[in-house]
Amino acid sequence: MAHLEVKPKSGLPWWAWLLLALIALAILLFAMKRCNQDTTHEKVISDTANVATDTTNVTTGQADAVAMTEPDWSSVNFDSPPTSDPDITDKDIIVRQGADYTIYTLGENILFATDQNKIQSKSEAKLKRIADVLNKRFAGSYIGVYGNTDSTGTATHNKQLGAERATAVKDWLVNSGKIDQGKVSIHSLGENEPVATNANEAGRKQNRNVEIVAFKNK
């Protein structure tokens, strides 16, 4: 019987194995690069969110700081005792001193005609004297202008009249007295804060006034 010799199949040549190894290495490197890109992208998104949060916190903090510098206007005591001021010699201007503020008061009869809200020209020299003191001692400070009336007429009318008169004085201080508009606010007390009785004309006259309150700059 003839003997048949079967030769085993030869394996892949060396260059084929090298090619497969290079392909496998390329796939591995691609996968690692893709993973790094995803991680970096997530970090960028996270960092961006953190920056946005920090910016919001800074903005909020600045707003709170601004709000904290605004004085408490309701804390003003208009019954504070009168005091003297070497820079105010005009007897028509009443000066009162609080803990951290000064009040300058001008009567309605000096500033305005009866039941009117237009400043009389004869009173401008008095307002200028107050403005000079404000610029000298209270530059950059908050200033509140309060309008007061007597109890004659309705409370609504008096509230409106007080606001109109306070606005007129504020406009004069800003336009003619060179006071920073952003630091001046108006407040109408109407008939609610009388400094004297409304039962007689002498008392009602005292209650019709405009008061300029200047807080010390902190």
Protein backbone atom coordinates (compact mmCIF):
# COMPACT_ATOMS: atom_id res chain seq x y z
CA MET A 1 0.00 0.00 0.00
CA ALA A 2 1.33 3.41 -0.87
CA HIS A 3 2.07 5.76 2.05
CA LEU A 4 0.68 9.25 1.68
CA GLU A 5 2.52 12.00 3.58
CA VAL A 6 0.25 14.86 4.68
CA LYS A 7 2.11 18.12 5.29
CA PRO A 8 0.70 20.41 8.03
CA LYS A 9 -0.59 23.73 6.94
CA SER A 10 1.89 26.49 7.40
CA GLY A 11 0.95 29.42 9.75
CA LEU A 12 0.55 33.05 8.80
CA PRO A 13 3.70 34.72 7.65
CA TRP A 14 5.46 37.05 10.10
CA TRP A 15 4.43 40.17 8.27
CA ALA A 16 0.73 39.25 8.64
CA TRP A 17 1.12 38.98 12.41
CA LEU A 18 2.88 42.33 12.46
CA LEU A 19 0.04 43.90 10.49
CA LEU A 20 -2.58 42.52 12.90
CA ALA A 21 -0.60 43.81 15.87
CA LEU A 22 -0.41 47.30 14.37
CA ILE A 23 -4.16 47.30 13.69
CA ALA A 24 -4.90 46.22 17.26
CA LEU A 25 -2.57 48.94 18.61
CA ALA A 26 -4.26 51.58 16.46
CA ILE A 27 -7.71 50.55 17.74
CA LEU A 28 -6.48 50.72 21.34
CA LEU A 29 -4.96 54.18 20.88
CA PHE A 30 -8.15 55.47 19.23
CA ALA A 31 -10.27 54.18 22.11
CA MET A 32 -7.98 55.81 24.70
CA LYS A 33 -8.03 59.16 22.84
CA ARG A 34 -11.83 59.11 22.63
CA CYS A 35 -12.10 58.46 26.35
CA ASN A 36 -9.76 61.37 27.15
CA GLN A 37 -11.79 63.71 24.93
CA ASP A 38 -15.03 62.79 26.72
CA THR A 39 -13.42 63.36 30.12
CA THR A 40 -12.01 66.74 29.05
CA HIS A 41 -15.38 67.83 27.65
CA GLU A 42 -17.14 66.98 30.91
CA LYS A 43 -14.50 68.92 32.86
CA VAL A 44 -14.92 72.00 30.64
CA ILE A 45 -18.69 71.92 31.14
CA SER A 46 -18.23 71.55 34.90
CA ASP A 47 -15.67 74.38 35.06
CA THR A 48 -17.93 76.64 33.00
CA ALA A 49 -20.83 75.98 35.35
CA ASN A 50 -18.61 76.76 38.35
CA VAL A 51 -17.45 80.04 36.79
CA ALA A 52 -21.06 81.03 36.09
CA THR A 53 -22.00 80.23 39.69
CA ASP A 54 -19.04 82.21 41.02
CA THR A 55 -19.94 85.18 38.81
CA THR A 56 -23.51 85.07 40.08
CA ASN A 57 -22.29 84.99 43.65
CA VAL A 58 -19.98 87.96 43.05
CA THR A 59 -22.80 89.94 41.42
CA THR A 60 -25.15 89.09 44.27
CA GLY A 61 -22.51 90.04 46.77
CA GLN A 62 -21.99 93.40 45.11
CA ALA A 63 -25.73 94.06 45.07
CA ASP A 64 -25.93 93.20 48.78
CA ALA A 65 -23.02 95.53 49.49
CA VAL A 66 -24.76 98.39 47.69
CA ALA A 67 -28.02 97.67 49.49
CA MET A 68 -26.26 97.68 52.85
CA THR A 69 -24.90 101.19 52.32
CA GLU A 70 -28.40 102.66 51.91
CA PRO A 71 -29.38 104.31 55.21
CA ASP A 72 -32.52 103.43 57.12
CA TRP A 73 -34.65 106.44 56.29
CA SER A 74 -37.32 105.42 58.79
CA SER A 75 -34.78 105.83 61.60
CA VAL A 76 -34.64 109.62 61.25
CA ASN A 77 -35.88 111.40 64.37
CA PHE A 78 -37.30 114.73 63.27
CA ASP A 79 -37.77 115.71 66.92
CA SER A 80 -34.01 115.85 67.39
CA PRO A 81 -33.05 119.04 69.27
CA PRO A 82 -31.94 122.06 67.25
CA THR A 83 -28.21 122.75 67.18
CA SER A 84 -25.91 125.49 65.93
CA ASP A 85 -23.82 125.27 62.79
CA PRO A 86 -20.97 127.71 62.10
CA ASP A 87 -21.66 127.42 58.36
CA ILE A 88 -25.39 128.14 58.72
CA THR A 89 -26.04 131.62 60.05
CA ASP A 90 -29.42 132.08 58.36
CA LYS A 91 -32.09 131.91 61.07
CA ASP A 92 -34.64 130.61 58.54
CA ILE A 93 -32.66 127.37 58.31
CA ILE A 94 -33.16 125.12 61.33
CA VAL A 95 -30.41 122.57 61.94
CA ARG A 96 -30.95 119.38 63.95
CA GLN A 97 -28.35 116.75 64.73
CA GLY A 98 -28.98 113.00 64.92
CA ALA A 99 -26.64 110.16 65.76
CA ASP A 100 -25.24 109.84 62.24
CA TYR A 101 -27.16 112.43 60.25
CA THR A 102 -27.95 116.15 60.13
CA ILE A 103 -31.34 117.67 59.32
CA TYR A 104 -31.72 121.03 57.56
CA THR A 105 -35.26 122.43 57.67
CA LEU A 106 -36.77 125.24 55.61
CA GLY A 107 -40.33 126.41 56.12
CA GLU A 108 -42.90 126.02 53.34
CA ASN A 109 -43.63 129.75 53.43
CA ILE A 110 -39.97 130.39 52.57
CA LEU A 111 -39.71 127.88 49.76
CA PHE A 112 -43.19 127.96 48.20
CA ALA A 113 -46.25 130.08 47.80
CA THR A 114 -49.38 128.77 49.53
CA ASP A 115 -50.41 125.33 48.20
CA GLN A 116 -47.80 125.55 45.42
CA ASN A 117 -44.82 123.37 44.57
CA LYS A 118 -42.63 125.78 42.61
CA ILE A 119 -39.61 127.10 44.51
CA GLN A 120 -39.67 130.86 44.96
CA SER A 121 -36.63 132.71 43.67
CA LYS A 122 -36.12 134.48 46.99
CA SER A 123 -35.42 131.15 48.69
CA GLU A 124 -32.65 130.03 46.32
CA ALA A 125 -29.92 131.72 48.36
CA LYS A 126 -30.97 129.64 51.37
CA LEU A 127 -30.91 126.43 49.37
CA LYS A 128 -27.49 127.36 48.03
CA ARG A 129 -26.16 127.74 51.57
CA ILE A 130 -27.42 124.24 52.41
CA ALA A 131 -26.00 122.83 49.17
CA ASP A 132 -22.60 124.35 49.95
CA VAL A 133 -22.58 122.62 53.34
CA LEU A 134 -23.68 119.32 51.80
CA ASN A 135 -20.85 119.48 49.25
CA LYS A 136 -18.36 120.44 51.95
CA ARG A 137 -19.25 117.90 54.63
CA PHE A 138 -21.37 115.23 52.96
CA ALA A 139 -19.80 114.72 49.53
CA GLY A 140 -20.83 111.28 48.29
CA SER A 141 -23.26 110.75 51.17
CA TYR A 142 -26.91 109.76 50.92
CA ILE A 143 -29.34 112.66 51.16
CA GLY A 144 -33.08 112.39 51.70
CA VAL A 145 -35.51 115.23 50.98
CA TYR A 146 -38.72 115.04 53.03
CA GLY A 147 -41.88 116.97 52.19
CA ASN A 148 -44.23 117.84 55.09
CA THR A 149 -47.64 119.53 55.20
CA ASP A 150 -50.20 120.47 57.81
CA SER A 151 -53.45 118.55 58.21
CA THR A 152 -55.56 120.95 56.17
CA GLY A 153 -57.13 119.14 53.20
CA THR A 154 -57.24 115.42 52.55
CA ALA A 155 -54.45 113.06 53.49
CA THR A 156 -54.10 112.03 49.84
CA HIS A 157 -53.70 115.63 48.69
CA ASN A 158 -51.17 116.34 51.42
CA LYS A 159 -49.15 113.24 50.55
CA GLN A 160 -49.04 114.30 46.91
CA LEU A 161 -48.17 117.91 47.76
CA GLY A 162 -45.37 116.75 50.07
CA ALA A 163 -43.93 114.59 47.28
CA GLU A 164 -44.11 117.42 44.74
CA ARG A 165 -42.34 119.85 47.07
CA ALA A 166 -39.65 117.32 47.97
CA THR A 167 -39.10 116.66 44.26
CA ALA A 168 -38.78 120.39 43.55
CA VAL A 169 -36.09 120.75 46.23
CA LYS A 170 -34.26 117.64 45.00
CA ASP A 171 -34.24 118.97 41.43
CA TRP A 172 -32.83 122.29 42.64
CA LEU A 173 -30.09 120.58 44.66
CA VAL A 174 -29.11 118.43 41.69
CA ASN A 175 -29.33 121.05 38.95
CA SER A 176 -28.19 124.17 40.82
CA GLY A 177 -26.51 122.81 43.93
CA LYS A 178 -24.35 120.24 42.07
CA ILE A 179 -25.43 117.38 44.34
CA ASP A 180 -25.05 113.84 42.95
CA GLN A 181 -28.50 112.84 41.70
CA GLY A 182 -27.86 109.15 42.42
CA LYS A 183 -27.46 109.91 46.11
CA VAL A 184 -30.64 111.96 46.59
CA SER A 185 -34.02 110.39 47.33
CA ILE A 186 -37.42 111.95 48.00
CA HIS A 187 -39.84 111.06 50.80
CA SER A 188 -43.31 112.45 51.36
CA LEU A 189 -44.56 112.39 54.94
CA GLY A 190 -47.58 114.54 54.15
CA GLU A 191 -49.33 115.40 57.39
CA ASN A 192 -48.03 112.36 59.29
CA GLU A 193 -45.01 113.88 61.09
CA PRO A 194 -46.11 117.22 62.55
CA VAL A 195 -43.55 119.10 64.61
CA ALA A 196 -46.23 121.26 66.20
CA THR A 197 -49.99 121.25 66.74
CA ASN A 198 -52.33 121.56 63.79
CA ALA A 199 -54.97 123.18 65.99
CA ASN A 200 -53.78 126.74 65.26
CA GLU A 201 -52.15 128.63 62.41
CA ALA A 202 -48.81 129.05 64.17
CA GLY A 203 -48.49 125.28 64.56
CA ARG A 204 -49.68 124.54 61.04
CA LYS A 205 -47.09 126.95 59.69
CA GLN A 206 -44.31 124.99 61.39
CA ASN A 207 -45.63 121.73 60.00
CA ARG A 208 -45.42 122.95 56.41
CA ASN A 209 -41.76 122.46 55.59
CA VAL A 210 -39.12 120.58 53.66
CA GLU A 211 -36.39 118.76 55.55
CA ILE A 212 -33.08 117.77 53.99
CA VAL A 213 -31.45 114.85 55.81
CA ALA A 214 -27.77 114.15 55.14
CA PHE A 215 -26.25 110.92 56.49
CA LYS A 216 -22.57 110.70 57.31
CA ASN A 217 -20.60 108.89 54.64
CA LYS A 218 -19.55 105.50 56.01
